[in-house]
N, C-alpha and C. Protein backbone atom coordinates (compact mmCIF):
# COMPACT_ATOMS: atom_id res chain seq x y z
N MET A 1 1.02 -1.21 -0.27
CA MET A 1 -0.12 -0.32 0.01
C MET A 1 0.86 1.55 -0.10
N LYS A 2 2.12 1.44 0.96
CA LYS A 2 2.52 1.95 0.99
C LYS A 2 3.26 3.23 -0.44
N GLU A 3 3.18 1.45 -1.45
CA GLU A 3 4.52 1.91 -2.55
C GLU A 3 3.11 2.24 -3.72
N THR A 4 2.22 1.78 -3.44
CA THR A 4 1.27 2.84 -4.06
C THR A 4 0.55 4.32 -3.89
N VAL A 5 0.74 4.61 -2.41
CA VAL A 5 0.84 5.95 -2.00
C VAL A 5 1.43 6.33 -2.77
N LEU A 6 3.12 6.22 -2.55
CA LEU A 6 4.61 6.61 -3.14
C LEU A 6 4.46 7.31 -4.61
N ASN A 7 3.59 6.21 -5.14
CA ASN A 7 3.70 6.24 -6.98
C ASN A 7 2.50 7.47 -7.01
N LEU A 8 1.69 7.38 -6.28
CA LEU A 8 0.36 8.50 -6.66
C LEU A 8 1.13 9.76 -6.56
N GLU A 9 1.89 9.51 -5.70
CA GLU A 9 2.05 11.52 -5.24
C GLU A 9 3.07 11.75 -6.07
N LYS A 10 4.31 10.80 -6.56
CA LYS A 10 5.11 10.79 -7.56
C LYS A 10 4.64 11.05 -8.47
N SER A 11 3.73 10.73 -9.01
CA SER A 11 3.07 11.53 -10.69
C SER A 11 2.07 12.70 -10.13
N GLY A 12 2.38 13.51 -9.02
CA GLY A 12 1.60 14.79 -8.87
C GLY A 12 -0.32 14.69 -8.46
N VAL A 13 -0.40 14.13 -8.12
CA VAL A 13 -1.77 13.99 -7.49
C VAL A 13 -2.24 14.82 -6.00
N CYS A 14 -2.67 15.58 -6.61
CA CYS A 14 -2.81 16.42 -5.15
C CYS A 14 -3.96 15.79 -4.15
N ARG A 15 -4.87 14.99 -4.22
CA ARG A 15 -5.37 14.34 -3.16
C ARG A 15 -5.34 12.98 -3.45
N ILE A 16 -6.02 12.22 -2.42
CA ILE A 16 -6.42 10.41 -2.82
C ILE A 16 -7.69 10.59 -2.52
N PRO A 17 -8.61 10.29 -3.40
CA PRO A 17 -9.86 9.54 -2.94
C PRO A 17 -10.35 8.27 -3.37
N ALA A 18 -11.47 7.90 -2.72
CA ALA A 18 -11.55 6.68 -3.07
C ALA A 18 -13.36 6.86 -2.80
N ASP A 19 -14.14 5.79 -3.29
CA ASP A 19 -15.67 5.83 -3.40
C ASP A 19 -16.21 4.73 -2.36
N VAL A 20 -16.05 3.72 -1.96
CA VAL A 20 -16.03 2.23 -1.26
C VAL A 20 -15.94 2.77 -0.03
N GLY A 21 -17.17 3.28 0.59
CA GLY A 21 -17.51 2.94 2.20
C GLY A 21 -16.61 1.96 3.06
N TYR A 22 -16.27 1.01 2.70
CA TYR A 22 -15.53 -0.04 3.31
C TYR A 22 -14.14 0.28 2.95
N PHE A 23 -13.48 1.23 2.09
CA PHE A 23 -12.05 2.28 2.44
C PHE A 23 -12.20 2.71 3.31
N GLN A 24 -13.22 2.86 4.11
CA GLN A 24 -12.92 3.89 5.99
C GLN A 24 -11.75 2.94 6.68
N ALA A 25 -11.94 1.63 6.65
CA ALA A 25 -11.23 0.53 7.71
C ALA A 25 -9.62 1.02 7.40
N PHE A 26 -9.30 1.85 6.08
CA PHE A 26 -7.53 2.20 5.71
C PHE A 26 -7.14 3.81 5.66
N GLN A 27 -8.52 4.34 5.90
CA GLN A 27 -8.53 5.97 6.01
C GLN A 27 -7.12 6.09 7.15
N GLU A 28 -7.16 6.20 8.33
CA GLU A 28 -6.35 6.41 9.73
C GLU A 28 -4.64 5.91 8.96
N ASN A 29 -4.42 4.87 8.02
CA ASN A 29 -3.24 4.39 7.86
C ASN A 29 -2.71 4.79 5.97
N ILE A 30 -3.29 5.03 5.68
CA ILE A 30 -3.06 5.78 4.44
C ILE A 30 -3.24 7.18 4.62
N CYS A 31 -3.94 7.75 5.18
CA CYS A 31 -3.55 8.96 5.87
C CYS A 31 -2.10 9.35 6.21
N GLN A 32 -1.60 8.68 7.32
CA GLN A 32 -0.45 8.54 7.96
C GLN A 32 0.88 8.70 6.89
N MET A 33 0.57 7.79 5.45
CA MET A 33 1.20 7.61 4.67
C MET A 33 1.19 8.54 3.55
N ALA A 34 0.68 9.48 3.32
CA ALA A 34 0.81 10.20 2.78
C ALA A 34 0.90 12.22 2.81
N SER A 35 1.35 12.44 2.00
CA SER A 35 1.20 13.91 2.33
C SER A 35 0.36 15.32 1.71
N VAL A 36 -0.39 14.47 1.09
CA VAL A 36 -1.92 14.89 0.75
C VAL A 36 -3.14 14.75 1.09
N PRO A 37 -3.92 15.31 0.66
CA PRO A 37 -5.10 14.80 1.49
C PRO A 37 -5.76 13.87 0.98
N VAL A 38 -6.55 12.87 2.10
CA VAL A 38 -6.98 11.71 1.70
C VAL A 38 -8.45 11.21 2.27
N VAL A 39 -9.21 10.87 1.60
CA VAL A 39 -10.65 10.84 1.78
C VAL A 39 -10.83 9.53 0.89
N LEU A 40 -11.48 7.83 1.60
CA LEU A 40 -11.45 6.80 1.10
C LEU A 40 -12.93 7.02 0.98
N SER A 41 -13.62 7.12 1.12
CA SER A 41 -14.79 6.88 1.72
C SER A 41 -16.09 7.67 2.31
N SER A 42 -17.45 7.79 2.00
CA SER A 42 -18.29 9.01 1.88
C SER A 42 -18.57 8.84 3.54
N LEU A 43 -17.86 7.48 4.32
CA LEU A 43 -18.28 7.26 5.71
C LEU A 43 -17.48 8.46 6.58
N GLN A 44 -16.73 9.41 6.03
CA GLN A 44 -15.30 10.05 6.70
C GLN A 44 -16.82 11.03 6.58
N GLN A 45 -17.58 11.48 5.91
CA GLN A 45 -18.55 13.07 6.25
C GLN A 45 -19.09 12.73 7.62
N LEU A 46 -19.00 11.31 7.80
CA LEU A 46 -19.87 11.52 9.30
C LEU A 46 -19.39 12.07 10.32
N SER A 47 -17.72 12.51 10.81
CA SER A 47 -17.03 13.48 11.27
C SER A 47 -17.55 14.48 10.75
N PHE A 48 -17.99 15.31 9.81
CA PHE A 48 -18.74 16.89 9.54
C PHE A 48 -19.79 16.24 10.15
N VAL A 49 -20.70 15.88 9.88
CA VAL A 49 -22.11 16.18 10.08
C VAL A 49 -22.05 15.38 11.28
N SER A 50 -21.56 14.93 12.06
CA SER A 50 -21.59 14.58 13.45
C SER A 50 -21.22 16.02 14.51
N ALA A 51 -20.40 17.25 13.79
CA ALA A 51 -19.76 17.82 14.07
C ALA A 51 -20.91 18.89 14.59
N VAL A 52 -21.34 19.29 13.39
CA VAL A 52 -22.69 20.33 12.91
C VAL A 52 -24.27 19.77 13.19
N TYR A 53 -24.34 18.64 13.64
CA TYR A 53 -25.71 18.54 13.97
C TYR A 53 -25.76 17.65 15.14
N ASP A 54 -26.79 18.46 16.20
CA ASP A 54 -26.90 17.77 17.75
C ASP A 54 -27.41 16.74 17.66
N VAL A 55 -26.33 15.94 17.90
CA VAL A 55 -26.19 14.19 18.36
C VAL A 55 -25.98 14.21 19.38
N ARG A 56 -26.30 14.80 20.68
CA ARG A 56 -25.68 14.42 21.78
C ARG A 56 -27.07 13.12 22.03
N PRO A 57 -26.95 12.22 23.31
CA PRO A 57 -27.85 11.23 23.15
C PRO A 57 -28.60 11.75 23.92
N ILE A 58 -29.26 13.66 24.68
CA ILE A 58 -30.56 13.64 25.31
C ILE A 58 -31.00 14.66 23.86
N SER A 59 -30.94 15.16 23.25
CA SER A 59 -31.73 15.60 21.55
C SER A 59 -32.32 14.22 21.10
N LYS A 60 -31.66 13.18 20.87
CA LYS A 60 -32.58 11.54 20.73
C LYS A 60 -31.89 12.00 18.83
N ASN A 61 -31.52 12.57 18.19
CA ASN A 61 -31.37 12.78 16.67
C ASN A 61 -30.28 11.91 16.75
N LYS A 62 -30.40 11.26 15.25
CA LYS A 62 -29.67 10.27 15.06
C LYS A 62 -29.48 10.51 13.69
N ILE A 63 -27.96 9.98 12.98
CA ILE A 63 -27.45 9.92 11.67
C ILE A 63 -27.58 8.63 11.01
N LEU A 64 -28.51 8.80 9.58
CA LEU A 64 -28.73 7.75 9.02
C LEU A 64 -28.27 7.39 8.08
N VAL A 65 -27.06 5.75 8.17
CA VAL A 65 -26.72 5.55 7.60
C VAL A 65 -27.57 4.32 6.28
N MET A 66 -27.07 4.29 5.24
CA MET A 66 -27.90 3.47 4.52
C MET A 66 -26.84 2.82 3.49
N MET A 67 -27.17 1.32 3.50
CA MET A 67 -26.43 0.55 2.47
C MET A 67 -27.01 -1.22 1.68
N ALA A 68 -26.74 -1.42 1.05
CA ALA A 68 -26.95 -2.54 0.52
C ALA A 68 -27.11 -3.55 1.71
N ASN A 69 -26.11 -3.61 2.38
CA ASN A 69 -26.08 -4.82 3.20
C ASN A 69 -25.71 -4.63 4.50
N SER A 70 -26.49 -4.32 5.40
CA SER A 70 -26.05 -4.15 6.54
C SER A 70 -24.90 -5.00 7.43
N LYS A 71 -25.31 -6.20 6.94
CA LYS A 71 -24.85 -7.88 7.96
C LYS A 71 -23.60 -7.67 7.83
N SER A 72 -22.89 -6.67 6.69
CA SER A 72 -21.04 -7.07 6.84
C SER A 72 -20.81 -5.82 7.04
N PHE A 73 -21.39 -4.94 7.58
CA PHE A 73 -20.70 -3.04 7.74
C PHE A 73 -20.58 -3.66 9.79
N ASP A 74 -19.05 -3.29 10.00
CA ASP A 74 -18.39 -3.22 11.05
C ASP A 74 -18.06 -1.98 11.81
N MET A 75 -18.95 -1.69 12.77
CA MET A 75 -19.07 -0.45 13.53
C MET A 75 -17.63 0.56 13.78
N ASN A 76 -16.85 -0.23 14.19
CA ASN A 76 -15.75 -0.26 14.84
C ASN A 76 -14.78 -0.14 14.43
N LYS A 77 -14.83 -0.62 12.74
CA LYS A 77 -13.61 -0.22 11.78
C LYS A 77 -14.05 0.32 11.03
N LEU A 78 -15.47 0.89 10.50
CA LEU A 78 -15.55 1.75 9.05
C LEU A 78 -16.25 3.53 10.18
N ILE A 79 -16.83 3.34 10.85
CA ILE A 79 -16.82 4.91 11.66
C ILE A 79 -15.88 5.63 11.83
N PRO A 80 -15.60 6.80 11.58
CA PRO A 80 -14.55 7.66 11.84
C PRO A 80 -14.45 7.59 13.00
N PRO A 81 -12.96 7.97 13.47
CA PRO A 81 -12.88 7.87 15.28
C PRO A 81 -13.07 9.39 15.45
N GLY A 82 -13.89 9.12 16.86
CA GLY A 82 -14.25 10.69 17.42
C GLY A 82 -15.71 10.89 17.01
N VAL A 83 -16.67 9.89 16.02
CA VAL A 83 -17.73 9.95 15.96
C VAL A 83 -18.41 9.27 16.68
N ASP A 84 -19.72 9.74 17.92
CA ASP A 84 -20.29 8.81 18.51
C ASP A 84 -21.17 7.55 18.17
N LYS A 85 -20.35 6.55 18.10
CA LYS A 85 -21.68 5.19 17.52
C LYS A 85 -22.69 5.03 17.93
N ASP A 86 -23.20 5.71 18.99
CA ASP A 86 -24.46 5.35 19.56
C ASP A 86 -25.25 6.59 18.55
N SER A 87 -24.83 7.81 17.99
CA SER A 87 -25.91 8.89 17.35
C SER A 87 -26.45 8.32 15.80
N ILE A 88 -25.08 6.68 15.55
CA ILE A 88 -25.50 6.27 13.80
C ILE A 88 -26.63 5.28 13.65
N LYS A 89 -27.38 5.18 13.20
CA LYS A 89 -28.87 4.29 12.84
C LYS A 89 -28.15 3.56 11.75
N ILE A 90 -27.86 2.11 11.51
CA ILE A 90 -27.51 1.66 10.25
C ILE A 90 -28.47 0.69 9.81
N VAL A 91 -28.58 1.16 8.17
CA VAL A 91 -30.25 0.23 7.53
C VAL A 91 -30.02 0.01 6.50
N GLY A 92 -30.25 -1.79 6.50
CA GLY A 92 -28.95 -2.00 5.05
C GLY A 92 -30.62 -2.75 4.13
N ALA A 93 -30.84 -2.95 2.91
CA ALA A 93 -31.46 -2.93 1.96
C ALA A 93 -31.76 -4.56 1.42
N GLU A 94 -30.77 -4.98 2.37
CA GLU A 94 -30.68 -6.68 1.88
C GLU A 94 -32.31 -7.33 2.23
N ASN A 95 -32.73 -6.99 3.13
CA ASN A 95 -34.26 -7.32 2.80
C ASN A 95 -35.54 -6.82 2.33
N GLY A 96 -35.31 -6.44 1.59
CA GLY A 96 -36.06 -5.69 0.72
C GLY A 96 -35.67 -6.02 -0.60
N LYS A 97 -36.40 -5.23 -1.67
CA LYS A 97 -36.41 -5.31 -3.38
C LYS A 97 -35.01 -5.38 -3.94
N PHE A 98 -34.36 -4.30 -3.27
CA PHE A 98 -33.34 -3.22 -4.01
C PHE A 98 -31.91 -4.84 -3.76
N GLY A 99 -32.13 -5.08 -1.80
CA GLY A 99 -30.84 -6.00 -1.57
C GLY A 99 -30.80 -7.47 -2.34
N GLN A 100 -32.76 -7.70 -2.39
CA GLN A 100 -32.16 -9.14 -3.07
C GLN A 100 -32.31 -8.97 -4.19
N ALA A 101 -32.02 -7.55 -5.62
CA ALA A 101 -31.57 -8.10 -6.80
C ALA A 101 -30.44 -7.51 -6.68
N MET A 102 -29.70 -6.84 -5.33
CA MET A 102 -28.04 -7.12 -5.38
C MET A 102 -27.42 -8.49 -5.27
N GLY A 103 -28.69 -9.59 -4.77
CA GLY A 103 -28.10 -10.66 -5.00
C GLY A 103 -28.04 -11.17 -3.33
N HIS A 104 -28.10 -10.39 -2.51
CA HIS A 104 -28.22 -10.28 -0.66
C HIS A 104 -29.07 -11.61 -0.16
């Protein structure tokens, strides 16, 4: 992975993005390897959203995260550090028509 990050930087990239939620598991490691900004997952937005909305337990507000298959979602690996896991509501489509069409 380090070699890939170095090759990307050597090629002149100004940031390293990705678009797969599960890449959140690699966010911290790749950030430490890179000298450019890294955002590997849309889940990284939870840091911002939880900071600008009142998601304290007393508010009873939640942040909804929707995905095709919630059974494979590991909150401990995929929710960014500093985000209160109790403020997150995970909903999967695996039991609905969409999830069934996707083979879940």
